[in-house]
Amino acid sequence: MSHLGYLLAGWSISIGTLAVYAFFLLRRGKRLTEKVPPGRRRWISSTEEQSRITDG
C-alpha cells in the first residue's frame, strides 16, 4: 500500500475537476436558458399551449 496516497490523490483530483466543470457548465446553461424568449424554448420547458402554436 505504498502508492495508495498517489492513487487516492489522482482519483480525487480527477473526480473533483470533473465535478467543478459540471457545476460551472450547468450554472452557465441555466443562465443562458433564462435569456431565451419563452416562444423559442424547447418542448421540455414550454407549456402545452406554446407547443400547439409552434406545431401549426
C-alpha atoms as a PDB file:
ATOM      1  CA  MET A   1       0.000   0.000   0.000  1.00  0.00           C
ATOM      2  CA  SER A   2       2.889   2.378  -0.554  1.00  0.00           C
ATOM      3  CA  HIS A   3       1.194   4.003  -3.554  1.00  0.00           C
ATOM      4  CA  LEU A   4      -2.249   4.362  -2.014  1.00  0.00           C
ATOM      5  CA  GLY A   5      -1.770   8.087  -1.410  1.00  0.00           C
ATOM      6  CA  TYR A   6      -0.923   8.717  -5.061  1.00  0.00           C
ATOM      7  CA  LEU A   7      -3.858   6.619  -6.188  1.00  0.00           C
ATOM      8  CA  LEU A   8      -6.312   8.450  -3.948  1.00  0.00           C
ATOM      9  CA  ALA A   9      -4.888  11.845  -4.890  1.00  0.00           C
ATOM     10  CA  GLY A  10      -5.161  11.059  -8.601  1.00  0.00           C
ATOM     11  CA  TRP A  11      -8.769   9.924  -8.326  1.00  0.00           C
ATOM     12  CA  SER A  12      -9.677  12.844  -6.061  1.00  0.00           C
ATOM     13  CA  ILE A  13      -8.181  15.414  -8.418  1.00  0.00           C
ATOM     14  CA  SER A  14      -9.819  13.825 -11.468  1.00  0.00           C
ATOM     15  CA  ILE A  15     -13.282  13.497  -9.942  1.00  0.00           C
ATOM     16  CA  GLY A  16     -13.025  16.902  -8.277  1.00  0.00           C
ATOM     17  CA  THR A  17     -12.062  18.591 -11.554  1.00  0.00           C
ATOM     18  CA  LEU A  18     -14.959  16.943 -13.385  1.00  0.00           C
ATOM     19  CA  ALA A  19     -17.394  17.916 -10.635  1.00  0.00           C
ATOM     20  CA  VAL A  20     -16.294  21.561 -10.699  1.00  0.00           C
ATOM     21  CA  TYR A  21     -16.532  21.625 -14.503  1.00  0.00           C
ATOM     22  CA  ALA A  22     -20.039  20.106 -14.400  1.00  0.00           C
ATOM     23  CA  PHE A  23     -21.127  22.659 -11.797  1.00  0.00           C
ATOM     24  CA  PHE A  24     -19.957  25.613 -13.890  1.00  0.00           C
ATOM     25  CA  LEU A  25     -21.402  24.099 -17.063  1.00  0.00           C
ATOM     26  CA  LEU A  26     -24.840  23.615 -15.510  1.00  0.00           C
ATOM     27  CA  ARG A  27     -24.777  27.081 -13.965  1.00  0.00           C
ATOM     28  CA  ARG A  28     -23.885  28.650 -17.310  1.00  0.00           C
ATOM     29  CA  GLY A  29     -26.600  26.655 -19.082  1.00  0.00           C
ATOM     30  CA  LYS A  30     -29.206  27.784 -16.591  1.00  0.00           C
ATOM     31  CA  ARG A  31     -28.158  31.404 -17.057  1.00  0.00           C
ATOM     32  CA  LEU A  32     -28.348  31.085 -20.840  1.00  0.00           C
ATOM     33  CA  THR A  33     -31.775  29.417 -20.836  1.00  0.00           C
ATOM     34  CA  GLU A  34     -33.223  32.370 -18.964  1.00  0.00           C
ATOM     35  CA  LYS A  35     -32.213  34.604 -21.903  1.00  0.00           C
ATOM     36  CA  VAL A  36     -34.165  32.559 -24.467  1.00  0.00           C
ATOM     37  CA  PRO A  37     -37.610  34.000 -25.224  1.00  0.00           C
ATOM     38  CA  PRO A  38     -40.492  31.775 -23.998  1.00  0.00           C
ATOM     39  CA  GLY A  39     -41.681  31.121 -27.547  1.00  0.00           C
ATOM     40  CA  ARG A  40     -38.283  29.759 -28.585  1.00  0.00           C
ATOM     41  CA  ARG A  41     -37.720  27.423 -25.641  1.00  0.00           C
ATOM     42  CA  ARG A  42     -37.500  23.684 -26.114  1.00  0.00           C
ATOM     43  CA  TRP A  43     -40.501  21.439 -25.649  1.00  0.00           C
ATOM     44  CA  ILE A  44     -39.384  20.260 -22.207  1.00  0.00           C
ATOM     45  CA  SER A  45     -39.695  23.729 -20.691  1.00  0.00           C
ATOM     46  CA  SER A  46     -42.557  25.085 -22.825  1.00  0.00           C
ATOM     47  CA  THR A  47     -46.229  24.915 -21.969  1.00  0.00           C
ATOM     48  CA  GLU A  48     -48.712  22.778 -23.904  1.00  0.00           C
ATOM     49  CA  GLU A  49     -50.259  25.882 -25.449  1.00  0.00           C
ATOM     50  CA  GLN A  50     -46.890  27.087 -26.758  1.00  0.00           C
ATOM     51  CA  SER A  51     -46.203  23.716 -28.366  1.00  0.00           C
ATOM     52  CA  ARG A  52     -49.546  23.828 -30.196  1.00  0.00           C
ATOM     53  CA  ILE A  53     -48.696  27.259 -31.584  1.00  0.00           C
ATOM     54  CA  THR A  54     -45.329  26.136 -32.964  1.00  0.00           C
ATOM     55  CA  ASP A  55     -46.676  22.821 -34.335  1.00  0.00           C
ATOM     56  CA  GLY A  56     -49.128  24.663 -36.576  1.00  0.00           C
END
